[in-house]
Amino acid sequence: MRMTDTDALILFGDVVGSRRDSIGSTTWLRELVAELDTAYGPHRLAPFGFTQGDELQGLLSLDADPLTAVLRAALGPSGRRMRWVVVRGRADPDPTGGLAPATERTGEGFVAARAAIQEARTGHERLVIVTGGPDVDSLLANLTPALMDMLDGLTERQRMVARLALIEDLRQSEVADRLKVRRATISVSFNRARVRSLQRLVAGIGRIYASARGDPWLDTAATVPDSAVVAD
């Protein structure tokens, strides 16, 4: 009996300017792949992988949150600028039973993602989310540059604070304890990192995507409780 294709989220991430530091980019990508494999856990349909051209690829279930990868890459230590595309499409069955990494998978979704990331490179776009709905895709295209600009503008310390709040869901007091600094210092860092604005923008992008696709993860996509971003 022939195995059926899988409806999935295909995620491509391209390190911007990796040719200028190919060894450093490869080391960083290897660490990111390990982090994403752990973070997504059962939501992975294949292990993450990356090509010799420093292009990360992932294959996720529809209830996964692809923006988790974007945030973890941008807010991690020594985060690098990346170009991302997220496409919902079909993936061919894996004859190895799910052991083959995403870089060895094929299907209509991968073809669409390949075309999307090539177009993103040409247009210098940093985050492209393809839902298949022209109106929604146009609206997302207007919002995603703002997210990437905000992430790019963070200092190393601001990235650390934003990561603790947005990814680890820590309150300001907990962030202060973790970093062993005064709460007032963290309050300033939260404001300068625009943590609340980042949270709202990521949540808004998720809700717009949800209106077009109806995917389960988007009901709570990349949201952070208010308790994590307000003073306490």
N, C-alpha and C. Protein backbone atom coordinates (compact mmCIF):
# COMPACT_ATOMS: atom_id res chain seq x y z
N MET A 1 0.84 -1.20 0.00
CA MET A 1 0.00 0.00 0.00
C MET A 1 0.87 1.25 0.00
N ARG A 2 0.57 2.20 -0.87
CA ARG A 2 1.37 3.40 -1.02
C ARG A 2 1.14 4.34 0.14
N MET A 3 2.25 4.84 0.73
CA MET A 3 2.14 5.83 1.78
C MET A 3 1.63 7.14 1.20
N THR A 4 0.81 7.85 1.96
CA THR A 4 0.23 9.10 1.46
C THR A 4 1.13 10.28 1.79
N ASP A 5 0.95 11.35 1.01
CA ASP A 5 1.66 12.59 1.27
C ASP A 5 1.16 13.19 2.59
N THR A 6 1.91 14.14 3.12
CA THR A 6 1.58 14.78 4.38
C THR A 6 1.37 16.27 4.17
N ASP A 7 0.27 16.80 4.69
CA ASP A 7 0.04 18.23 4.67
C ASP A 7 0.80 18.81 5.86
N ALA A 8 1.72 19.73 5.59
CA ALA A 8 2.64 20.17 6.64
C ALA A 8 3.04 21.62 6.44
N LEU A 9 3.82 22.11 7.41
CA LEU A 9 4.45 23.42 7.30
C LEU A 9 5.91 23.21 6.91
N ILE A 10 6.32 23.82 5.84
CA ILE A 10 7.71 23.75 5.39
C ILE A 10 8.37 25.07 5.74
N LEU A 11 9.50 24.97 6.41
CA LEU A 11 10.20 26.15 6.93
C LEU A 11 11.61 26.19 6.35
N PHE A 12 11.93 27.27 5.67
CA PHE A 12 13.28 27.48 5.16
C PHE A 12 13.86 28.72 5.83
N GLY A 13 15.10 28.63 6.27
CA GLY A 13 15.80 29.77 6.86
C GLY A 13 17.17 29.92 6.24
N ASP A 14 17.45 31.11 5.73
CA ASP A 14 18.68 31.37 5.01
C ASP A 14 19.51 32.39 5.79
N VAL A 15 20.75 32.05 6.16
CA VAL A 15 21.61 32.98 6.88
C VAL A 15 22.07 34.07 5.93
N VAL A 16 21.73 35.31 6.24
CA VAL A 16 22.09 36.43 5.38
C VAL A 16 23.58 36.71 5.51
N GLY A 17 24.27 36.77 4.36
CA GLY A 17 25.70 37.06 4.36
C GLY A 17 26.57 35.96 4.88
N SER A 18 26.12 34.71 4.80
CA SER A 18 26.89 33.61 5.38
C SER A 18 28.21 33.37 4.66
N ARG A 19 28.32 33.79 3.42
CA ARG A 19 29.56 33.57 2.68
C ARG A 19 30.73 34.33 3.28
N ARG A 20 30.43 35.40 4.02
CA ARG A 20 31.51 36.18 4.63
C ARG A 20 32.08 35.48 5.86
N ASP A 21 31.37 34.52 6.41
CA ASP A 21 31.83 33.78 7.59
C ASP A 21 31.21 32.40 7.56
N SER A 22 31.62 31.61 6.58
CA SER A 22 30.98 30.31 6.36
C SER A 22 31.21 29.36 7.53
N ILE A 23 32.41 29.39 8.13
CA ILE A 23 32.68 28.48 9.25
C ILE A 23 31.86 28.87 10.46
N GLY A 24 31.81 30.17 10.77
CA GLY A 24 31.02 30.63 11.90
C GLY A 24 29.54 30.37 11.71
N SER A 25 29.05 30.55 10.49
CA SER A 25 27.64 30.30 10.21
C SER A 25 27.28 28.84 10.37
N THR A 26 28.17 27.97 9.92
CA THR A 26 27.92 26.53 10.03
C THR A 26 27.85 26.10 11.49
N THR A 27 28.78 26.60 12.31
CA THR A 27 28.77 26.27 13.73
C THR A 27 27.50 26.76 14.39
N TRP A 28 27.11 27.99 14.09
CA TRP A 28 25.90 28.58 14.67
C TRP A 28 24.66 27.80 14.23
N LEU A 29 24.59 27.43 12.95
CA LEU A 29 23.44 26.68 12.45
C LEU A 29 23.34 25.31 13.11
N ARG A 30 24.47 24.68 13.33
CA ARG A 30 24.45 23.36 13.98
C ARG A 30 23.84 23.47 15.38
N GLU A 31 24.20 24.51 16.09
CA GLU A 31 23.64 24.72 17.42
C GLU A 31 22.15 25.07 17.34
N LEU A 32 21.76 25.86 16.35
CA LEU A 32 20.35 26.21 16.20
C LEU A 32 19.51 24.99 15.84
N VAL A 33 20.02 24.14 14.96
CA VAL A 33 19.31 22.92 14.59
C VAL A 33 19.05 22.06 15.81
N ALA A 34 20.05 21.90 16.66
CA ALA A 34 19.88 21.10 17.88
C ALA A 34 18.83 21.72 18.79
N GLU A 35 18.85 23.05 18.90
CA GLU A 35 17.86 23.73 19.75
C GLU A 35 16.45 23.56 19.19
N LEU A 36 16.28 23.69 17.89
CA LEU A 36 14.96 23.58 17.29
C LEU A 36 14.44 22.15 17.35
N ASP A 37 15.32 21.18 17.17
CA ASP A 37 14.89 19.78 17.30
C ASP A 37 14.29 19.53 18.68
N THR A 38 14.92 20.10 19.70
CA THR A 38 14.42 19.93 21.06
C THR A 38 13.15 20.74 21.29
N ALA A 39 13.14 21.98 20.81
CA ALA A 39 12.01 22.88 21.05
C ALA A 39 10.73 22.37 20.41
N TYR A 40 10.82 21.83 19.21
CA TYR A 40 9.61 21.39 18.51
C TYR A 40 9.19 19.98 18.91
N GLY A 41 10.13 19.16 19.33
CA GLY A 41 9.79 17.83 19.82
C GLY A 41 8.86 17.06 18.90
N PRO A 42 7.69 16.63 19.40
CA PRO A 42 6.78 15.81 18.60
C PRO A 42 6.14 16.56 17.43
N HIS A 43 6.29 17.87 17.38
CA HIS A 43 5.73 18.64 16.26
C HIS A 43 6.60 18.55 15.01
N ARG A 44 7.79 17.99 15.15
CA ARG A 44 8.64 17.78 13.97
C ARG A 44 8.14 16.58 13.18
N LEU A 45 8.07 16.75 11.89
CA LEU A 45 7.79 15.61 11.02
C LEU A 45 9.08 15.04 10.45
N ALA A 46 10.17 15.77 10.67
CA ALA A 46 11.50 15.33 10.27
C ALA A 46 12.51 16.13 11.08
N PRO A 47 13.69 15.59 11.31
CA PRO A 47 14.72 16.38 12.00
C PRO A 47 15.09 17.61 11.17
N PHE A 48 15.39 18.70 11.85
CA PHE A 48 15.88 19.88 11.15
C PHE A 48 17.24 19.55 10.54
N GLY A 49 17.58 20.28 9.50
CA GLY A 49 18.89 20.12 8.87
C GLY A 49 19.26 21.39 8.14
N PHE A 50 20.50 21.45 7.66
CA PHE A 50 20.89 22.60 6.85
C PHE A 50 21.83 22.15 5.75
N THR A 51 21.83 22.89 4.67
CA THR A 51 22.60 22.53 3.50
C THR A 51 24.00 23.14 3.56
N GLN A 52 24.83 22.77 2.61
CA GLN A 52 26.17 23.34 2.53
C GLN A 52 26.11 24.84 2.26
N GLY A 53 25.00 25.30 1.71
CA GLY A 53 24.83 26.72 1.45
C GLY A 53 24.27 27.47 2.64
N ASP A 54 24.30 26.85 3.83
CA ASP A 54 23.82 27.47 5.07
C ASP A 54 22.35 27.83 5.01
N GLU A 55 21.57 26.91 4.49
CA GLU A 55 20.12 27.09 4.44
C GLU A 55 19.48 26.05 5.35
N LEU A 56 18.82 26.52 6.38
CA LEU A 56 18.13 25.63 7.32
C LEU A 56 16.79 25.22 6.74
N GLN A 57 16.40 23.95 6.98
CA GLN A 57 15.10 23.47 6.51
C GLN A 57 14.42 22.68 7.61
N GLY A 58 13.11 22.89 7.72
CA GLY A 58 12.33 22.17 8.71
C GLY A 58 11.02 21.70 8.13
N LEU A 59 10.49 20.63 8.68
CA LEU A 59 9.21 20.08 8.27
C LEU A 59 8.39 19.86 9.55
N LEU A 60 7.30 20.61 9.68
CA LEU A 60 6.55 20.65 10.93
C LEU A 60 5.10 20.25 10.73
N SER A 61 4.49 19.75 11.78
CA SER A 61 3.06 19.46 11.74
C SER A 61 2.29 20.78 11.73
N LEU A 62 1.04 20.72 11.32
CA LEU A 62 0.25 21.94 11.18
C LEU A 62 -0.04 22.62 12.51
N ASP A 63 0.07 21.88 13.61
CA ASP A 63 -0.18 22.51 14.91
C ASP A 63 1.09 23.06 15.54
N ALA A 64 2.20 23.05 14.79
CA ALA A 64 3.44 23.65 15.27
C ALA A 64 3.40 25.15 15.04
N ASP A 65 4.24 25.87 15.76
CA ASP A 65 4.35 27.31 15.63
C ASP A 65 5.66 27.64 14.91
N PRO A 66 5.62 27.95 13.63
CA PRO A 66 6.87 28.21 12.89
C PRO A 66 7.57 29.47 13.35
N LEU A 67 6.85 30.41 13.96
CA LEU A 67 7.50 31.64 14.42
C LEU A 67 8.43 31.39 15.60
N THR A 68 8.28 30.25 16.25
CA THR A 68 9.21 29.88 17.31
C THR A 68 10.64 29.83 16.78
N ALA A 69 10.81 29.29 15.58
CA ALA A 69 12.15 29.21 14.98
C ALA A 69 12.69 30.60 14.70
N VAL A 70 11.85 31.48 14.20
CA VAL A 70 12.27 32.85 13.89
C VAL A 70 12.76 33.55 15.16
N LEU A 71 11.98 33.43 16.23
CA LEU A 71 12.33 34.10 17.48
C LEU A 71 13.57 33.49 18.11
N ARG A 72 13.66 32.16 18.12
CA ARG A 72 14.82 31.53 18.75
C ARG A 72 16.10 31.86 18.01
N ALA A 73 16.04 31.95 16.69
CA ALA A 73 17.23 32.31 15.92
C ALA A 73 17.62 33.76 16.17
N ALA A 74 16.64 34.65 16.21
CA ALA A 74 16.93 36.08 16.35
C ALA A 74 17.34 36.45 17.77
N LEU A 75 16.81 35.75 18.77
CA LEU A 75 17.03 36.13 20.16
C LEU A 75 18.06 35.27 20.86
N GLY A 76 18.68 34.37 20.14
CA GLY A 76 19.70 33.54 20.75
C GLY A 76 21.03 34.26 20.89
N PRO A 77 21.98 33.68 21.61
CA PRO A 77 23.31 34.29 21.74
C PRO A 77 23.97 34.45 20.37
N SER A 78 24.52 35.61 20.13
CA SER A 78 25.19 35.89 18.85
C SER A 78 24.27 35.60 17.67
N GLY A 79 23.00 35.99 17.83
CA GLY A 79 22.02 35.75 16.78
C GLY A 79 22.44 36.35 15.46
N ARG A 80 22.17 35.66 14.39
CA ARG A 80 22.52 36.13 13.05
C ARG A 80 21.26 36.50 12.28
N ARG A 81 21.45 37.40 11.34
CA ARG A 81 20.34 37.80 10.48
C ARG A 81 19.97 36.65 9.57
N MET A 82 18.66 36.37 9.52
CA MET A 82 18.21 35.28 8.67
C MET A 82 17.04 35.72 7.81
N ARG A 83 16.88 35.02 6.72
CA ARG A 83 15.73 35.20 5.82
C ARG A 83 14.89 33.93 5.94
N TRP A 84 13.58 34.10 6.15
CA TRP A 84 12.71 32.95 6.41
C TRP A 84 11.55 32.90 5.43
N VAL A 85 11.12 31.70 5.11
CA VAL A 85 9.84 31.50 4.43
C VAL A 85 9.10 30.36 5.13
N VAL A 86 7.81 30.53 5.25
CA VAL A 86 6.93 29.52 5.83
C VAL A 86 5.84 29.22 4.82
N VAL A 87 5.71 27.97 4.42
CA VAL A 87 4.75 27.59 3.39
C VAL A 87 3.99 26.35 3.86
N ARG A 88 2.70 26.38 3.70
CA ARG A 88 1.91 25.17 3.95
C ARG A 88 1.78 24.41 2.65
N GLY A 89 2.14 23.12 2.67
CA GLY A 89 2.09 22.34 1.44
C GLY A 89 2.25 20.86 1.71
N ARG A 90 2.31 20.10 0.65
CA ARG A 90 2.40 18.65 0.76
C ARG A 90 3.85 18.20 0.75
N ALA A 91 4.15 17.25 1.62
CA ALA A 91 5.47 16.62 1.66
C ALA A 91 5.33 15.16 1.27
N ASP A 92 6.21 14.70 0.41
CA ASP A 92 6.18 13.30 0.02
C ASP A 92 6.48 12.41 1.22
N PRO A 93 5.98 11.19 1.23
CA PRO A 93 6.23 10.28 2.36
C PRO A 93 7.72 9.97 2.49
N ASP A 94 8.13 9.74 3.73
CA ASP A 94 9.52 9.42 4.04
C ASP A 94 9.66 7.90 4.15
N PRO A 95 10.38 7.28 3.24
CA PRO A 95 10.51 5.82 3.29
C PRO A 95 11.29 5.33 4.50
N THR A 96 12.00 6.23 5.19
CA THR A 96 12.77 5.82 6.38
C THR A 96 11.93 5.88 7.64
N GLY A 97 10.67 6.28 7.52
CA GLY A 97 9.81 6.32 8.68
C GLY A 97 10.01 7.54 9.56
N GLY A 98 10.44 8.66 8.95
CA GLY A 98 10.59 9.89 9.70
C GLY A 98 12.00 10.17 10.19
N LEU A 99 12.96 9.35 9.78
CA LEU A 99 14.34 9.53 10.22
C LEU A 99 15.12 10.47 9.30
N ALA A 100 14.69 10.60 8.06
CA ALA A 100 15.40 11.45 7.11
C ALA A 100 15.21 12.92 7.47
N PRO A 101 16.28 13.72 7.51
CA PRO A 101 16.14 15.14 7.84
C PRO A 101 15.35 15.87 6.77
N ALA A 102 14.88 17.06 7.13
CA ALA A 102 14.06 17.84 6.20
C ALA A 102 14.81 18.15 4.91
N THR A 103 16.13 18.26 4.98
CA THR A 103 16.92 18.56 3.79
C THR A 103 16.88 17.42 2.77
N GLU A 104 16.42 16.24 3.19
CA GLU A 104 16.34 15.10 2.27
C GLU A 104 14.90 14.78 1.87
N ARG A 105 13.97 15.65 2.24
CA ARG A 105 12.58 15.43 1.92
C ARG A 105 12.19 16.21 0.67
N THR A 106 11.11 15.80 0.02
CA THR A 106 10.65 16.44 -1.20
C THR A 106 9.12 16.57 -1.16
N GLY A 107 8.58 17.14 -2.21
CA GLY A 107 7.14 17.29 -2.31
C GLY A 107 6.76 18.67 -2.81
N GLU A 108 5.47 18.86 -3.07
CA GLU A 108 4.99 20.13 -3.61
C GLU A 108 5.31 21.30 -2.68
N GLY A 109 5.21 21.05 -1.37
CA GLY A 109 5.48 22.11 -0.43
C GLY A 109 6.92 22.59 -0.48
N PHE A 110 7.85 21.65 -0.66
CA PHE A 110 9.26 22.02 -0.75
C PHE A 110 9.54 22.79 -2.03
N VAL A 111 8.88 22.42 -3.10
CA VAL A 111 9.04 23.16 -4.36
C VAL A 111 8.55 24.60 -4.18
N ALA A 112 7.40 24.74 -3.51
CA ALA A 112 6.84 26.07 -3.28
C ALA A 112 7.75 26.89 -2.35
N ALA A 113 8.30 26.24 -1.33
CA ALA A 113 9.19 26.94 -0.41
C ALA A 113 10.47 27.36 -1.11
N ARG A 114 10.98 26.51 -1.98
CA ARG A 114 12.18 26.87 -2.75
C ARG A 114 11.94 28.10 -3.61
N ALA A 115 10.80 28.13 -4.29
CA ALA A 115 10.47 29.29 -5.12
C ALA A 115 10.29 30.54 -4.26
N ALA A 116 9.68 30.37 -3.09
CA ALA A 116 9.42 31.51 -2.21
C ALA A 116 10.70 32.11 -1.67
N ILE A 117 11.67 31.27 -1.28
CA ILE A 117 12.89 31.83 -0.72
C ILE A 117 13.77 32.45 -1.80
N GLN A 118 13.70 31.92 -3.01
CA GLN A 118 14.43 32.56 -4.11
C GLN A 118 13.85 33.94 -4.39
N GLU A 119 12.53 34.04 -4.37
CA GLU A 119 11.88 35.33 -4.58
C GLU A 119 12.18 36.28 -3.44
N ALA A 120 12.24 35.75 -2.21
CA ALA A 120 12.56 36.59 -1.05
C ALA A 120 13.98 37.14 -1.16
N ARG A 121 14.91 36.34 -1.65
CA ARG A 121 16.28 36.84 -1.83
C ARG A 121 16.30 37.97 -2.85
N THR A 122 15.59 37.77 -3.94
CA THR A 122 15.56 38.80 -4.99
C THR A 122 14.95 40.09 -4.47
N GLY A 123 13.88 39.96 -3.69
CA GLY A 123 13.18 41.13 -3.17
C GLY A 123 13.71 41.63 -1.84
N HIS A 124 14.78 40.98 -1.33
CA HIS A 124 15.39 41.35 -0.03
C HIS A 124 14.36 41.30 1.10
N GLU A 125 13.46 40.34 1.03
CA GLU A 125 12.49 40.13 2.09
C GLU A 125 13.10 39.22 3.16
N ARG A 126 12.73 39.44 4.42
CA ARG A 126 13.33 38.69 5.51
C ARG A 126 12.40 37.62 6.08
N LEU A 127 11.09 37.82 5.97
CA LEU A 127 10.14 36.83 6.48
C LEU A 127 8.92 36.81 5.58
N VAL A 128 8.72 35.68 4.91
CA VAL A 128 7.59 35.51 3.99
C VAL A 128 6.73 34.37 4.50
N ILE A 129 5.46 34.63 4.71
CA ILE A 129 4.51 33.61 5.15
C ILE A 129 3.46 33.44 4.06
N VAL A 130 3.37 32.25 3.52
CA VAL A 130 2.47 31.99 2.39
C VAL A 130 1.27 31.17 2.87
N THR A 131 0.09 31.77 2.82
CA THR A 131 -1.13 31.08 3.21
C THR A 131 -1.93 30.60 2.00
N GLY A 132 -1.66 31.19 0.84
CA GLY A 132 -2.45 30.88 -0.34
C GLY A 132 -3.59 31.85 -0.55
N GLY A 133 -3.84 32.73 0.40
CA GLY A 133 -4.88 33.76 0.26
C GLY A 133 -4.23 35.09 -0.09
N PRO A 134 -4.46 35.61 -1.29
CA PRO A 134 -3.77 36.83 -1.73
C PRO A 134 -3.93 38.01 -0.78
N ASP A 135 -5.15 38.26 -0.29
CA ASP A 135 -5.37 39.41 0.59
C ASP A 135 -4.61 39.25 1.91
N VAL A 136 -4.69 38.06 2.49
CA VAL A 136 -4.00 37.82 3.76
C VAL A 136 -2.49 37.85 3.56
N ASP A 137 -2.02 37.26 2.49
CA ASP A 137 -0.58 37.26 2.23
C ASP A 137 -0.06 38.68 2.05
N SER A 138 -0.86 39.53 1.42
CA SER A 138 -0.47 40.93 1.24
C SER A 138 -0.39 41.65 2.57
N LEU A 139 -1.36 41.38 3.45
CA LEU A 139 -1.35 42.01 4.77
C LEU A 139 -0.16 41.52 5.60
N LEU A 140 0.10 40.23 5.54
CA LEU A 140 1.25 39.69 6.26
C LEU A 140 2.56 40.29 5.73
N ALA A 141 2.63 40.48 4.43
CA ALA A 141 3.83 41.06 3.83
C ALA A 141 4.08 42.48 4.32
N ASN A 142 3.01 43.16 4.74
CA ASN A 142 3.17 44.51 5.28
C ASN A 142 3.60 44.50 6.74
N LEU A 143 3.32 43.40 7.46
CA LEU A 143 3.63 43.33 8.89
C LEU A 143 4.96 42.66 9.19
N THR A 144 5.32 41.63 8.45
CA THR A 144 6.52 40.88 8.79
C THR A 144 7.81 41.70 8.72
N PRO A 145 7.93 42.68 7.81
CA PRO A 145 9.16 43.49 7.85
C PRO A 145 9.33 44.24 9.17
N ALA A 146 8.22 44.69 9.76
CA ALA A 146 8.31 45.40 11.04
C ALA A 146 8.84 44.48 12.12
N LEU A 147 8.42 43.22 12.12
CA LEU A 147 8.91 42.27 13.11
C LEU A 147 10.41 42.06 12.97
N MET A 148 10.86 41.84 11.75
CA MET A 148 12.28 41.60 11.54
C MET A 148 13.11 42.83 11.86
N ASP A 149 12.60 44.02 11.55
CA ASP A 149 13.32 45.26 11.88
C ASP A 149 13.46 45.40 13.39
N MET A 150 12.40 45.09 14.13
CA MET A 150 12.46 45.19 15.58
C MET A 150 13.47 44.20 16.16
N LEU A 151 13.48 43.00 15.64
CA LEU A 151 14.43 41.99 16.12
C LEU A 151 15.86 42.36 15.77
N ASP A 152 16.06 42.91 14.57
CA ASP A 152 17.39 43.30 14.14
C ASP A 152 17.95 44.44 14.99
N GLY A 153 17.06 45.28 15.51
CA GLY A 153 17.49 46.47 16.23
C GLY A 153 17.88 46.25 17.67
N LEU A 154 17.76 45.02 18.16
CA LEU A 154 18.07 44.74 19.55
C LEU A 154 19.58 44.59 19.78
N THR A 155 20.03 45.10 20.90
CA THR A 155 21.41 44.87 21.31
C THR A 155 21.53 43.46 21.89
N GLU A 156 22.75 43.03 22.17
CA GLU A 156 22.96 41.69 22.72
C GLU A 156 22.20 41.52 24.04
N ARG A 157 22.27 42.51 24.91
CA ARG A 157 21.58 42.42 26.19
C ARG A 157 20.07 42.45 26.01
N GLN A 158 19.59 43.29 25.10
CA GLN A 158 18.16 43.35 24.85
C GLN A 158 17.64 42.04 24.28
N ARG A 159 18.44 41.39 23.45
CA ARG A 159 18.05 40.07 22.94
C ARG A 159 17.92 39.07 24.08
N MET A 160 18.84 39.14 25.02
CA MET A 160 18.80 38.23 26.16
C MET A 160 17.53 38.44 26.97
N VAL A 161 17.21 39.71 27.24
CA VAL A 161 16.01 40.03 28.01
C VAL A 161 14.76 39.61 27.25
N ALA A 162 14.70 39.91 25.96
CA ALA A 162 13.54 39.55 25.15
C ALA A 162 13.37 38.04 25.07
N ARG A 163 14.47 37.32 24.99
CA ARG A 163 14.38 35.85 24.94
C ARG A 163 13.78 35.29 26.22
N LEU A 164 14.26 35.79 27.36
CA LEU A 164 13.75 35.31 28.64
C LEU A 164 12.26 35.59 28.78
N ALA A 165 11.81 36.72 28.24
CA ALA A 165 10.41 37.09 28.36
C ALA A 165 9.54 36.39 27.33
N LEU A 166 9.94 36.43 26.05
CA LEU A 166 9.10 35.92 24.98
C LEU A 166 9.17 34.41 24.81
N ILE A 167 10.33 33.82 25.07
CA ILE A 167 10.48 32.39 24.85
C ILE A 167 10.36 31.60 26.14
N GLU A 168 10.97 32.11 27.23
CA GLU A 168 10.91 31.38 28.49
C GLU A 168 9.75 31.84 29.37
N ASP A 169 8.99 32.84 28.93
CA ASP A 169 7.79 33.31 29.64
C ASP A 169 8.08 33.79 31.06
N LEU A 170 9.21 34.44 31.27
CA LEU A 170 9.55 34.93 32.59
C LEU A 170 8.98 36.32 32.82
N ARG A 171 8.57 36.58 34.07
CA ARG A 171 8.15 37.91 34.47
C ARG A 171 9.39 38.80 34.63
N GLN A 172 9.15 40.11 34.69
CA GLN A 172 10.28 41.02 34.84
C GLN A 172 11.09 40.71 36.10
N SER A 173 10.41 40.42 37.20
CA SER A 173 11.12 40.11 38.44
C SER A 173 11.95 38.84 38.28
N GLU A 174 11.43 37.86 37.54
CA GLU A 174 12.15 36.62 37.32
C GLU A 174 13.36 36.83 36.41
N VAL A 175 13.20 37.71 35.41
CA VAL A 175 14.33 38.05 34.55
C VAL A 175 15.42 38.73 35.37
N ALA A 176 15.02 39.64 36.24
CA ALA A 176 15.99 40.34 37.10
C ALA A 176 16.74 39.34 37.99
N ASP A 177 16.00 38.38 38.55
CA ASP A 177 16.64 37.36 39.38
C ASP A 177 17.60 36.50 38.56
N ARG A 178 17.17 36.13 37.37
CA ARG A 178 18.02 35.28 36.52
C ARG A 178 19.33 35.99 36.17
N LEU A 179 19.23 37.29 35.87
CA LEU A 179 20.41 38.06 35.45
C LEU A 179 21.13 38.71 36.63
N LYS A 180 20.54 38.56 37.83
CA LYS A 180 21.14 39.11 39.05
C LYS A 180 21.35 40.63 38.95
N VAL A 181 20.28 41.32 38.53
CA VAL A 181 20.30 42.78 38.46
C VAL A 181 19.03 43.32 39.12
N ARG A 182 18.98 44.62 39.33
CA ARG A 182 17.82 45.25 39.94
C ARG A 182 16.63 45.22 39.00
N ARG A 183 15.41 45.17 39.57
CA ARG A 183 14.20 45.16 38.75
C ARG A 183 14.10 46.42 37.90
N ALA A 184 14.53 47.56 38.47
CA ALA A 184 14.45 48.81 37.72
C ALA A 184 15.30 48.75 36.46
N THR A 185 16.44 48.07 36.55
CA THR A 185 17.30 47.91 35.38
C THR A 185 16.61 47.10 34.30
N ILE A 186 15.94 46.02 34.71
CA ILE A 186 15.23 45.17 33.75
C ILE A 186 14.03 45.92 33.16
N SER A 187 13.37 46.73 33.96
CA SER A 187 12.25 47.51 33.45
C SER A 187 12.70 48.41 32.30
N VAL A 188 13.85 49.03 32.47
CA VAL A 188 14.40 49.87 31.40
C VAL A 188 14.72 49.02 30.17
N SER A 189 15.32 47.86 30.39
CA SER A 189 15.67 46.97 29.27
C SER A 189 14.42 46.50 28.54
N PHE A 190 13.35 46.19 29.27
CA PHE A 190 12.10 45.77 28.65
C PHE A 190 11.57 46.87 27.74
N ASN A 191 11.63 48.10 28.23
CA ASN A 191 11.12 49.21 27.44
C ASN A 191 11.97 49.44 26.20
N ARG A 192 13.27 49.40 26.37
CA ARG A 192 14.16 49.63 25.22
C ARG A 192 14.08 48.50 24.21
N ALA A 193 13.86 47.28 24.69
CA ALA A 193 13.71 46.14 23.79
C ALA A 193 12.32 46.05 23.19
N ARG A 194 11.42 46.88 23.68
CA ARG A 194 10.02 46.91 23.20
C ARG A 194 9.40 45.50 23.26
N VAL A 195 9.56 44.89 24.41
CA VAL A 195 9.08 43.52 24.58
C VAL A 195 7.58 43.43 24.37
N ARG A 196 6.82 44.34 24.95
CA ARG A 196 5.36 44.29 24.78
C ARG A 196 4.97 44.45 23.31
N SER A 197 5.61 45.37 22.61
CA SER A 197 5.30 45.58 21.20
C SER A 197 5.66 44.35 20.37
N LEU A 198 6.77 43.72 20.70
CA LEU A 198 7.15 42.49 20.01
C LEU A 198 6.10 41.40 20.23
N GLN A 199 5.67 41.26 21.48
CA GLN A 199 4.67 40.24 21.80
C GLN A 199 3.38 40.47 21.02
N ARG A 200 2.94 41.72 20.98
CA ARG A 200 1.69 42.04 20.29
C ARG A 200 1.81 41.84 18.78
N LEU A 201 2.96 42.21 18.22
CA LEU A 201 3.15 42.05 16.79
C LEU A 201 3.17 40.59 16.39
N VAL A 202 3.91 39.77 17.14
CA VAL A 202 3.97 38.34 16.84
C VAL A 202 2.58 37.71 16.96
N ALA A 203 1.85 38.09 18.03
CA ALA A 203 0.50 37.55 18.21
C ALA A 203 -0.42 38.00 17.09
N GLY A 204 -0.26 39.25 16.65
CA GLY A 204 -1.11 39.76 15.57
C GLY A 204 -0.86 39.04 14.26
N ILE A 205 0.41 38.78 13.95
CA ILE A 205 0.74 38.02 12.74
C ILE A 205 0.10 36.64 12.80
N GLY A 206 0.16 36.01 13.99
CA GLY A 206 -0.44 34.70 14.14
C GLY A 206 -1.94 34.71 13.92
N ARG A 207 -2.63 35.75 14.44
CA ARG A 207 -4.08 35.81 14.29
C ARG A 207 -4.49 36.04 12.84
N ILE A 208 -3.72 36.85 12.13
CA ILE A 208 -4.03 37.08 10.71
C ILE A 208 -3.85 35.79 9.92
N TYR A 209 -2.78 35.07 10.21
CA TYR A 209 -2.56 33.77 9.57
C TYR A 209 -3.71 32.83 9.91
N ALA A 210 -4.15 32.87 11.15
CA ALA A 210 -5.23 31.99 11.58
C ALA A 210 -6.51 32.28 10.81
N SER A 211 -6.76 33.53 10.51
CA SER A 211 -8.00 33.88 9.81
C SER A 211 -8.05 33.30 8.42
N ALA A 212 -6.88 33.02 7.85
CA ALA A 212 -6.84 32.46 6.49
C ALA A 212 -6.74 30.96 6.48
N ARG A 213 -5.99 30.40 7.45
CA ARG A 213 -5.70 28.98 7.41
C ARG A 213 -6.49 28.15 8.41
N GLY A 214 -6.82 28.75 9.55
CA GLY A 214 -7.52 27.98 10.56
C GLY A 214 -6.67 26.91 11.21
N ASP A 215 -5.36 27.09 11.22
CA ASP A 215 -4.48 26.08 11.81
C ASP A 215 -4.55 26.16 13.33
N PRO A 216 -4.53 25.02 14.02
CA PRO A 216 -4.69 25.01 15.48
C PRO A 216 -3.69 25.86 16.24
N TRP A 217 -2.40 25.82 15.84
CA TRP A 217 -1.39 26.52 16.62
C TRP A 217 -1.62 28.01 16.64
N LEU A 218 -2.33 28.54 15.65
CA LEU A 218 -2.45 29.98 15.53
C LEU A 218 -3.43 30.59 16.52
N ASP A 219 -4.21 29.77 17.21
CA ASP A 219 -5.08 30.32 18.25
C ASP A 219 -4.28 30.92 19.39
N THR A 220 -3.08 30.37 19.62
CA THR A 220 -2.23 30.86 20.70
C THR A 220 -0.80 31.05 20.21
N ALA A 221 -0.64 31.34 18.94
CA ALA A 221 0.69 31.36 18.35
C ALA A 221 1.60 32.40 18.97
N ALA A 222 2.74 31.92 19.45
CA ALA A 222 3.83 32.78 19.93
C ALA A 222 3.36 33.88 20.86
N THR A 223 2.28 33.66 21.60
CA THR A 223 1.81 34.68 22.52
C THR A 223 2.52 34.56 23.85
N VAL A 224 2.64 35.67 24.53
CA VAL A 224 3.26 35.71 25.84
C VAL A 224 2.28 36.30 26.82
N PRO A 225 2.03 35.68 27.96
CA PRO A 225 1.11 36.23 28.92
C PRO A 225 1.51 37.64 29.33
N ASP A 226 0.51 38.51 29.58
CA ASP A 226 0.81 39.87 30.00
C ASP A 226 1.70 39.89 31.22
N SER A 227 1.57 38.87 32.07
CA SER A 227 2.39 38.83 33.28
C SER A 227 3.86 38.77 32.97
N ALA A 228 4.20 38.33 31.75
CA ALA A 228 5.61 38.20 31.39
C ALA A 228 6.20 39.53 30.93
N VAL A 229 5.36 40.50 30.60
CA VAL A 229 5.88 41.72 30.01
C VAL A 229 5.51 42.96 30.81
N VAL A 230 4.82 42.82 31.91
CA VAL A 230 4.49 43.98 32.73
C VAL A 230 5.29 43.93 34.01
N ALA A 231 5.44 45.09 34.63
CA ALA A 231 6.17 45.14 35.87
C ALA A 231 5.39 44.42 36.96
N ASP A 232 6.10 43.84 37.90
CA ASP A 232 5.42 43.15 38.99
C ASP A 232 6.17 43.40 40.29
